[in-house]
Amino acid sequence: MDSADAAEIVAEAHEGNDARGAGFRNRAALMIAILAAVLAIAGLGGGNATDDMIHNNIRASDTWAFFQAKNMRQTAHEIAIVEIEGDLAEPGLDPATRARLERSLAESRANIARYESEPDPAAPNDPLRGEGKRQLRAQAEAFEAAREVAVERDNSFDMAEVLLQIALVLGSVAILAINRRILILSAVLGALGALLTLNGFLLLVALPL
């Protein structure tokens, strides 16, 4: 059931008013209209949470891939350093060869240091900006944390939508049967759905999912 179905139920409730159930149907119709509005809000929040979850998951994956590429380049330089140090340990090296090897050694060490940490010059103290392994790790972990928050929001919105859908169905049954107990149950489920919708935006409570 969606908001259009709820609107149709409200309209039918007004058309079917009689003296005995007019007040009851009016109250039930008003409640259904409110639940339909909350359901629409929950659906919007759930859609946004899903988009955030997908976006942050992609960003985290891309950042970890970049981190791995940096790590492989760093490892290649570490292997090169071992080889260069072995060459420098050989006796009888001519000065030109030794100077060339020492330059290569210094360059490899500088590249290793740069791959390990390369902050953004515009914000050198911000760990979430830059292209070194240290910065990339912080960025990837931040994206993962944002993804987990989006997952929690999405779970709350999903549960809210289920409860609100059931509440709307029960509300429509209550109108047809003019049954106060069913309407109360519908209201209780609707209130829980509204609280879960609020929780989806504010994350006041962590759901055990």
Protein backbone atom coordinates (compact mmCIF):
# COMPACT_ATOMS: atom_id res chain seq x y z
CA MET A 1 0.00 0.00 0.00
CA ASP A 2 1.28 3.47 -0.87
CA SER A 3 0.11 7.05 -0.35
CA ALA A 4 -2.21 6.88 -3.39
CA ASP A 5 -3.97 3.82 -1.98
CA ALA A 6 -4.26 5.56 1.38
CA ALA A 7 -5.83 8.60 -0.27
CA GLU A 8 -8.38 6.36 -1.97
CA ILE A 9 -9.25 4.74 1.36
CA VAL A 10 -9.73 8.16 2.95
CA ALA A 11 -12.02 9.23 0.13
CA GLU A 12 -14.07 6.04 0.40
CA ALA A 13 -14.34 6.52 4.15
CA HIS A 14 -15.92 9.94 3.66
CA GLU A 15 -18.27 8.65 0.98
CA GLY A 16 -19.38 5.77 3.17
CA ASN A 17 -20.18 7.80 6.28
CA ASP A 18 -23.31 6.94 8.21
CA ALA A 19 -24.62 8.17 11.53
CA ARG A 20 -23.21 5.24 13.49
CA GLY A 21 -19.68 5.21 12.16
CA ALA A 22 -19.14 8.73 10.86
CA GLY A 23 -16.96 9.90 13.72
CA PHE A 24 -14.99 6.66 13.85
CA ARG A 25 -14.36 6.65 10.11
CA ASN A 26 -13.29 10.28 10.15
CA ARG A 27 -10.74 9.64 12.87
CA ALA A 28 -9.50 6.50 11.12
CA ALA A 29 -9.25 8.35 7.79
CA LEU A 30 -7.23 11.14 9.42
CA MET A 31 -4.88 8.61 10.98
CA ILE A 32 -4.41 6.84 7.64
CA ALA A 33 -3.59 10.15 5.96
CA ILE A 34 -0.96 10.87 8.61
CA LEU A 35 0.52 7.37 8.31
CA ALA A 36 0.67 7.72 4.54
CA ALA A 37 2.60 10.98 4.90
CA VAL A 38 5.05 9.36 7.33
CA LEU A 39 5.43 6.41 4.94
CA ALA A 40 6.33 8.78 2.12
CA ILE A 41 8.97 10.43 4.34
CA ALA A 42 10.35 7.01 5.33
CA GLY A 43 10.54 5.99 1.68
CA LEU A 44 12.43 9.16 0.79
CA GLY A 45 14.84 8.70 3.70
CA GLY A 46 15.38 5.06 2.81
CA GLY A 47 16.15 5.93 -0.80
CA ASN A 48 18.68 8.57 0.25
CA ALA A 49 20.28 6.17 2.73
CA THR A 50 20.63 3.52 0.02
CA ASP A 51 22.27 6.06 -2.31
CA ASP A 52 24.69 7.09 0.44
CA MET A 53 25.50 3.46 1.20
CA ILE A 54 26.31 2.67 -2.44
CA HIS A 55 28.27 5.89 -2.95
CA ASN A 56 30.45 5.43 0.14
CA ASN A 57 31.01 1.76 -0.64
CA ILE A 58 32.31 2.65 -4.11
CA ARG A 59 34.51 5.43 -2.74
CA ALA A 60 35.96 3.13 -0.08
CA SER A 61 36.68 0.42 -2.65
CA ASP A 62 38.37 2.88 -5.02
CA THR A 63 40.45 4.38 -2.22
CA TRP A 64 41.63 0.97 -1.00
CA ALA A 65 42.59 0.10 -4.60
CA PHE A 66 44.64 3.31 -4.78
CA PHE A 67 46.20 2.43 -1.41
CA GLN A 68 47.14 -1.02 -2.71
CA ALA A 69 48.73 0.47 -5.83
CA LYS A 70 50.82 2.80 -3.64
CA ASN A 71 51.81 -0.14 -1.47
CA MET A 72 52.99 -2.14 -4.48
CA ARG A 73 55.09 0.77 -5.73
CA GLN A 74 56.55 1.20 -2.26
CA THR A 75 57.44 -2.49 -2.11
CA ALA A 76 59.15 -2.25 -5.51
CA HIS A 77 61.35 0.56 -4.18
CA GLU A 78 62.14 -1.41 -1.04
CA ILE A 79 63.32 -4.31 -3.19
CA ALA A 80 65.37 -1.90 -5.29
CA ILE A 81 67.02 -0.53 -2.13
CA VAL A 82 68.13 -4.00 -1.10
CA GLU A 83 69.66 -4.56 -4.54
CA ILE A 84 71.37 -1.17 -4.58
CA GLU A 85 72.79 -1.66 -1.11
CA GLY A 86 74.15 -5.01 -2.27
CA ASP A 87 75.78 -3.36 -5.27
CA LEU A 88 77.29 -0.64 -3.08
CA ALA A 89 78.80 -3.28 -0.82
CA GLU A 90 80.83 -4.74 -3.68
CA PRO A 91 84.50 -3.77 -3.57
CA GLY A 92 86.22 -1.90 -6.35
CA LEU A 93 83.33 0.31 -7.47
CA ASP A 94 84.47 3.30 -9.50
CA PRO A 95 83.41 6.71 -8.16
CA ALA A 96 80.95 7.39 -10.99
CA THR A 97 79.11 4.10 -10.47
CA ARG A 98 79.02 4.60 -6.71
CA ALA A 99 77.63 8.12 -7.13
CA ARG A 100 74.95 6.86 -9.49
CA LEU A 101 73.95 4.07 -7.11
CA GLU A 102 73.83 6.45 -4.17
CA ARG A 103 71.56 8.80 -6.12
CA SER A 104 69.27 5.89 -6.96
CA LEU A 105 69.29 4.84 -3.31
CA ALA A 106 68.36 8.34 -2.16
CA GLU A 107 65.57 8.57 -4.75
CA SER A 108 64.11 5.21 -3.73
CA ARG A 109 64.14 6.18 -0.06
CA ALA A 110 62.48 9.51 -0.87
CA ASN A 111 59.80 7.73 -2.91
CA ILE A 112 59.13 5.30 -0.07
CA ALA A 113 58.68 8.19 2.35
CA ARG A 114 56.39 9.96 -0.14
CA TYR A 115 54.28 6.85 -0.71
CA GLU A 116 53.94 6.40 3.05
CA SER A 117 52.73 9.94 3.69
CA GLU A 118 51.90 12.61 1.14
CA PRO A 119 49.59 15.22 2.69
CA ASP A 120 47.78 17.81 0.66
CA PRO A 121 49.95 20.98 0.57
CA ALA A 122 46.79 23.06 1.01
CA ALA A 123 45.91 21.19 4.23
CA PRO A 124 49.01 19.40 5.53
CA ASN A 125 47.45 18.59 8.91
CA ASP A 126 44.24 17.10 7.52
CA PRO A 127 44.57 13.28 7.49
CA LEU A 128 41.65 13.00 5.08
CA ARG A 129 43.42 14.95 2.34
CA GLY A 130 46.44 13.76 0.43
CA GLU A 131 47.62 10.76 -1.58
CA GLY A 132 50.03 8.95 0.74
CA LYS A 133 49.21 5.56 2.23
CA ARG A 134 48.54 7.15 5.61
CA GLN A 135 46.07 9.61 4.12
CA LEU A 136 44.46 7.02 1.83
CA ARG A 137 43.92 4.65 4.74
CA ALA A 138 42.23 7.41 6.74
CA GLN A 139 40.03 8.33 3.76
CA ALA A 140 39.02 4.72 3.08
CA GLU A 141 38.17 4.14 6.75
CA ALA A 142 36.11 7.34 6.77
CA PHE A 143 34.16 6.16 3.72
CA GLU A 144 33.61 2.78 5.39
CA ALA A 145 32.36 4.47 8.55
CA ALA A 146 29.96 6.62 6.50
CA ARG A 147 28.77 3.50 4.69
CA GLU A 148 28.01 1.76 7.99
CA VAL A 149 26.02 4.79 9.17
CA ALA A 150 24.05 4.68 5.92
CA VAL A 151 23.40 0.96 6.45
CA GLU A 152 22.01 1.67 9.93
CA ARG A 153 19.79 4.42 8.55
CA ASP A 154 18.58 2.19 5.74
CA ASN A 155 17.73 -0.64 8.15
CA SER A 156 15.71 1.72 10.33
CA PHE A 157 13.82 3.12 7.35
CA ASP A 158 13.14 -0.39 6.00
CA MET A 159 11.62 -1.50 9.30
CA ALA A 160 9.63 1.73 9.48
CA GLU A 161 8.18 1.18 6.02
CA VAL A 162 7.13 -2.38 6.88
CA LEU A 163 5.36 -1.29 10.07
CA LEU A 164 3.71 1.66 8.34
CA GLN A 165 2.49 -0.53 5.49
CA ILE A 166 0.94 -2.98 7.97
CA ALA A 167 -0.56 -0.08 9.94
CA LEU A 168 -2.18 1.30 6.78
CA VAL A 169 -3.66 -2.08 5.89
CA LEU A 170 -5.03 -2.53 9.41
CA GLY A 171 -6.39 1.00 9.34
CA SER A 172 -8.30 0.27 6.15
CA VAL A 173 -9.67 -2.93 7.69
CA ALA A 174 -10.73 -0.99 10.78
CA ILE A 175 -12.65 1.46 8.60
CA LEU A 176 -14.47 -1.33 6.78
CA ALA A 177 -15.24 -3.27 9.95
CA ILE A 178 -15.70 -0.22 12.19
CA ASN A 179 -13.47 -2.03 14.68
CA ARG A 180 -11.84 0.09 17.37
CA ARG A 181 -9.37 -2.61 18.48
CA ILE A 182 -7.95 -3.01 15.00
CA LEU A 183 -7.64 0.76 14.71
CA ILE A 184 -5.73 0.90 18.02
CA LEU A 185 -3.36 -1.82 16.79
CA SER A 186 -2.91 0.13 13.58
CA ALA A 187 -2.12 3.28 15.57
CA VAL A 188 0.43 1.45 17.72
CA LEU A 189 2.21 0.02 14.68
CA GLY A 190 2.05 3.40 12.99
CA ALA A 191 3.59 5.09 16.03
CA LEU A 192 6.42 2.54 16.02
CA GLY A 193 6.91 3.15 12.31
CA ALA A 194 7.04 6.90 12.92
CA LEU A 195 9.64 6.43 15.68
CA LEU A 196 11.76 4.25 13.41
CA THR A 197 11.48 6.88 10.68
CA LEU A 198 12.74 9.49 13.14
CA ASN A 199 15.50 7.10 14.19
CA GLY A 200 16.49 6.72 10.55
CA PHE A 201 17.29 10.41 10.39
CA LEU A 202 18.77 10.87 13.88
CA LEU A 203 20.13 7.37 14.69
CA LEU A 204 19.13 7.70 18.33
CA VAL A 205 19.08 3.92 18.85
CA ALA A 206 21.21 1.22 17.22
CA LEU A 207 18.92 -1.51 15.94
CA PRO A 208 19.93 -5.14 16.67
CA LEU A 209 20.25 -6.21 13.02
